[in-house]
Amino acid sequence: MTHGPSELARLRDAGQAGERQRAHDRAVIAALQAELRDHRRETRYRILDILSIMRAIARRPVEEGETAELYPARLDSRLASFANLQGQLARMPRGGIDLYTMIDGELLPSIPRMRKVRFRTGRCRNR
């Protein structure tokens, strides 16, 4: 089977196009692998940060007059607050967290007599 010059040129062009596509694919794969390494590194740092914060929370000294029976509840409350903060960060990693929303969600439920108070734009209003 013989191929004419135009058929050989077409096959050569197709082979070169295939090589260009493979080179492009290799570059895309390399970029994705680098991005994955960066994500793994960032995840490792975040986990270590979270563990060090939890360790600091657990080792926080007992407040004056606090009994051993109250400590587990206090620790649970601290860890729940930290988990809430992490949840908010996960939802808006680059946007930051609104301080007033945090206060509204964490502090006010623990003060039953102030349940009707809400913080908005830096001012305190009683609803």
C-alpha atoms as a PDB file:
ATOM      1  CA  MET A   1       0.000   0.000   0.000  1.00  0.00           C
ATOM      2  CA  THR A   2       1.488   3.268  -1.089  1.00  0.00           C
ATOM      3  CA  HIS A   3       0.566   6.704   0.098  1.00  0.00           C
ATOM      4  CA  GLY A   4       0.813   9.779  -2.018  1.00  0.00           C
ATOM      5  CA  PRO A   5       2.633  12.924  -0.866  1.00  0.00           C
ATOM      6  CA  SER A   6      -0.594  14.599   0.262  1.00  0.00           C
ATOM      7  CA  GLU A   7      -1.611  11.537   2.303  1.00  0.00           C
ATOM      8  CA  LEU A   8       1.814  11.432   3.997  1.00  0.00           C
ATOM      9  CA  ALA A   9       1.612  15.160   4.774  1.00  0.00           C
ATOM     10  CA  ARG A  10      -1.832  14.683   6.302  1.00  0.00           C
ATOM     11  CA  LEU A  11      -0.579  11.790   8.452  1.00  0.00           C
ATOM     12  CA  ARG A  12       2.493  13.802   9.521  1.00  0.00           C
ATOM     13  CA  ASP A  13       0.287  16.775  10.460  1.00  0.00           C
ATOM     14  CA  ALA A  14      -2.036  14.515  12.431  1.00  0.00           C
ATOM     15  CA  GLY A  15       0.952  13.001  14.267  1.00  0.00           C
ATOM     16  CA  GLN A  16       2.304  16.445  15.104  1.00  0.00           C
ATOM     17  CA  ALA A  17      -1.122  17.575  16.328  1.00  0.00           C
ATOM     18  CA  GLY A  18      -1.271  14.461  18.516  1.00  0.00           C
ATOM     19  CA  GLU A  19       2.170  15.251  19.955  1.00  0.00           C
ATOM     20  CA  ARG A  20       1.106  18.847  20.685  1.00  0.00           C
ATOM     21  CA  GLN A  21      -2.034  17.578  22.420  1.00  0.00           C
ATOM     22  CA  ARG A  22      -0.010  15.105  24.502  1.00  0.00           C
ATOM     23  CA  ALA A  23       2.435  17.866  25.489  1.00  0.00           C
ATOM     24  CA  HIS A  24      -0.493  20.083  26.475  1.00  0.00           C
ATOM     25  CA  ASP A  25      -2.057  17.242  28.467  1.00  0.00           C
ATOM     26  CA  ARG A  26       1.258  16.601  30.277  1.00  0.00           C
ATOM     27  CA  ALA A  27       1.486  20.295  31.184  1.00  0.00           C
ATOM     28  CA  VAL A  28      -2.093  20.287  32.504  1.00  0.00           C
ATOM     29  CA  ILE A  29      -1.418  17.144  34.545  1.00  0.00           C
ATOM     30  CA  ALA A  30       1.773  18.658  35.993  1.00  0.00           C
ATOM     31  CA  ALA A  31      -0.098  21.843  36.967  1.00  0.00           C
ATOM     32  CA  LEU A  32      -2.872  19.827  38.624  1.00  0.00           C
ATOM     33  CA  GLN A  33      -0.327  17.719  40.513  1.00  0.00           C
ATOM     34  CA  ALA A  34       1.397  20.881  41.774  1.00  0.00           C
ATOM     35  CA  GLU A  35      -1.960  22.296  42.871  1.00  0.00           C
ATOM     36  CA  LEU A  36      -2.752  19.043  44.684  1.00  0.00           C
ATOM     37  CA  ARG A  37       0.611  19.195  46.505  1.00  0.00           C
ATOM     38  CA  ASP A  38      -0.170  22.770  47.568  1.00  0.00           C
ATOM     39  CA  HIS A  39      -3.616  21.751  48.831  1.00  0.00           C
ATOM     40  CA  ARG A  40      -2.150  18.835  50.772  1.00  0.00           C
ATOM     41  CA  ARG A  41       0.474  21.093  52.337  1.00  0.00           C
ATOM     42  CA  GLU A  42      -2.154  23.698  53.265  1.00  0.00           C
ATOM     43  CA  THR A  43      -4.424  21.013  54.710  1.00  0.00           C
ATOM     44  CA  ARG A  44      -1.563  19.645  56.815  1.00  0.00           C
ATOM     45  CA  TYR A  45      -0.827  23.134  58.197  1.00  0.00           C
ATOM     46  CA  ARG A  46      -4.510  23.729  58.952  1.00  0.00           C
ATOM     47  CA  ILE A  47      -4.817  20.417  60.781  1.00  0.00           C
ATOM     48  CA  LEU A  48      -1.738  21.181  62.860  1.00  0.00           C
ATOM     49  CA  ASP A  49      -3.106  24.646  63.659  1.00  0.00           C
ATOM     50  CA  ILE A  50      -6.456  23.218  64.704  1.00  0.00           C
ATOM     51  CA  LEU A  51      -4.815  20.595  66.903  1.00  0.00           C
ATOM     52  CA  SER A  52      -2.599  23.173  68.598  1.00  0.00           C
ATOM     53  CA  ILE A  53      -5.624  25.394  69.263  1.00  0.00           C
ATOM     54  CA  MET A  54      -7.566  22.459  70.704  1.00  0.00           C
ATOM     55  CA  ARG A  55      -4.606  21.602  72.898  1.00  0.00           C
ATOM     56  CA  ALA A  56      -4.464  25.186  74.157  1.00  0.00           C
ATOM     57  CA  ILE A  57      -8.214  25.129  74.840  1.00  0.00           C
ATOM     58  CA  ALA A  58      -7.930  21.874  76.789  1.00  0.00           C
ATOM     59  CA  ARG A  59      -4.951  23.136  78.811  1.00  0.00           C
ATOM     60  CA  ARG A  60      -6.505  26.490  79.599  1.00  0.00           C
ATOM     61  CA  PRO A  61      -6.356  26.933  83.351  1.00  0.00           C
ATOM     62  CA  VAL A  62      -9.409  26.356  85.458  1.00  0.00           C
ATOM     63  CA  GLU A  63     -11.033  29.610  86.494  1.00  0.00           C
ATOM     64  CA  GLU A  64     -11.036  30.669  90.135  1.00  0.00           C
ATOM     65  CA  GLY A  65     -13.652  28.721  92.070  1.00  0.00           C
ATOM     66  CA  GLU A  66     -14.491  26.337  89.206  1.00  0.00           C
ATOM     67  CA  THR A  67     -15.084  22.770  90.321  1.00  0.00           C
ATOM     68  CA  ALA A  68     -13.854  19.644  88.614  1.00  0.00           C
ATOM     69  CA  GLU A  69     -17.468  18.783  87.766  1.00  0.00           C
ATOM     70  CA  LEU A  70     -17.922  22.015  85.813  1.00  0.00           C
ATOM     71  CA  TYR A  71     -14.715  21.662  83.797  1.00  0.00           C
ATOM     72  CA  PRO A  72     -16.070  19.128  81.223  1.00  0.00           C
ATOM     73  CA  ALA A  73     -19.030  21.405  80.480  1.00  0.00           C
ATOM     74  CA  ARG A  74     -16.706  24.411  80.146  1.00  0.00           C
ATOM     75  CA  LEU A  75     -14.386  22.449  77.857  1.00  0.00           C
ATOM     76  CA  ASP A  76     -17.341  21.263  75.767  1.00  0.00           C
ATOM     77  CA  SER A  77     -18.546  24.849  75.424  1.00  0.00           C
ATOM     78  CA  ARG A  78     -15.100  26.056  74.322  1.00  0.00           C
ATOM     79  CA  LEU A  79     -14.753  23.261  71.773  1.00  0.00           C
ATOM     80  CA  ALA A  80     -18.274  23.890  70.453  1.00  0.00           C
ATOM     81  CA  SER A  81     -17.440  27.571  69.974  1.00  0.00           C
ATOM     82  CA  PHE A  82     -14.251  26.653  68.158  1.00  0.00           C
ATOM     83  CA  ALA A  83     -16.135  24.168  65.947  1.00  0.00           C
ATOM     84  CA  ASN A  84     -18.699  26.855  65.118  1.00  0.00           C
ATOM     85  CA  LEU A  85     -15.912  29.232  64.132  1.00  0.00           C
ATOM     86  CA  GLN A  86     -14.310  26.592  61.921  1.00  0.00           C
ATOM     87  CA  GLY A  87     -17.685  25.942  60.277  1.00  0.00           C
ATOM     88  CA  GLN A  88     -18.095  29.630  59.509  1.00  0.00           C
ATOM     89  CA  LEU A  89     -14.582  29.791  58.085  1.00  0.00           C
ATOM     90  CA  ALA A  90     -15.272  26.774  55.890  1.00  0.00           C
ATOM     91  CA  ARG A  91     -18.350  28.458  54.447  1.00  0.00           C
ATOM     92  CA  MET A  92     -16.550  31.759  53.725  1.00  0.00           C
ATOM     93  CA  PRO A  93     -12.784  31.049  53.626  1.00  0.00           C
ATOM     94  CA  ARG A  94     -11.778  34.271  51.865  1.00  0.00           C
ATOM     95  CA  GLY A  95     -14.625  36.542  52.915  1.00  0.00           C
ATOM     96  CA  GLY A  96     -13.814  36.526  56.604  1.00  0.00           C
ATOM     97  CA  ILE A  97     -16.255  36.286  59.455  1.00  0.00           C
ATOM     98  CA  ASP A  98     -18.624  38.946  60.688  1.00  0.00           C
ATOM     99  CA  LEU A  99     -17.815  39.634  64.337  1.00  0.00           C
ATOM    100  CA  TYR A 100     -21.376  40.631  65.162  1.00  0.00           C
ATOM    101  CA  THR A 101     -22.732  37.381  63.732  1.00  0.00           C
ATOM    102  CA  MET A 102     -20.297  35.466  65.928  1.00  0.00           C
ATOM    103  CA  ILE A 103     -21.306  37.426  69.015  1.00  0.00           C
ATOM    104  CA  ASP A 104     -24.965  36.979  68.170  1.00  0.00           C
ATOM    105  CA  GLY A 105     -24.528  33.238  67.666  1.00  0.00           C
ATOM    106  CA  GLU A 106     -22.192  32.451  70.549  1.00  0.00           C
ATOM    107  CA  LEU A 107     -22.526  34.932  73.367  1.00  0.00           C
ATOM    108  CA  LEU A 108     -26.185  35.850  73.430  1.00  0.00           C
ATOM    109  CA  PRO A 109     -27.675  32.342  73.737  1.00  0.00           C
ATOM    110  CA  SER A 110     -25.589  31.872  76.866  1.00  0.00           C
ATOM    111  CA  ILE A 111     -27.192  34.929  78.490  1.00  0.00           C
ATOM    112  CA  PRO A 112     -30.901  34.096  78.831  1.00  0.00           C
ATOM    113  CA  ARG A 113     -31.964  37.534  80.066  1.00  0.00           C
ATOM    114  CA  MET A 114     -30.554  39.162  76.906  1.00  0.00           C
ATOM    115  CA  ARG A 115     -32.142  36.838  74.349  1.00  0.00           C
ATOM    116  CA  LYS A 116     -33.926  39.693  72.591  1.00  0.00           C
ATOM    117  CA  VAL A 117     -30.786  41.743  71.949  1.00  0.00           C
ATOM    118  CA  ARG A 118     -29.181  41.536  68.494  1.00  0.00           C
ATOM    119  CA  PHE A 119     -26.064  43.254  67.241  1.00  0.00           C
ATOM    120  CA  ARG A 120     -26.206  45.002  63.885  1.00  0.00           C
ATOM    121  CA  THR A 121     -23.461  47.050  62.251  1.00  0.00           C
ATOM    122  CA  GLY A 122     -21.711  47.813  65.496  1.00  0.00           C
ATOM    123  CA  ARG A 123     -24.770  49.107  67.342  1.00  0.00           C
ATOM    124  CA  CYS A 124     -26.756  47.311  70.005  1.00  0.00           C
ATOM    125  CA  ARG A 125     -30.524  47.379  69.611  1.00  0.00           C
ATOM    126  CA  ASN A 126     -33.156  45.828  71.789  1.00  0.00           C
ATOM    127  CA  ARG A 127     -35.879  44.205  69.697  1.00  0.00           C
END
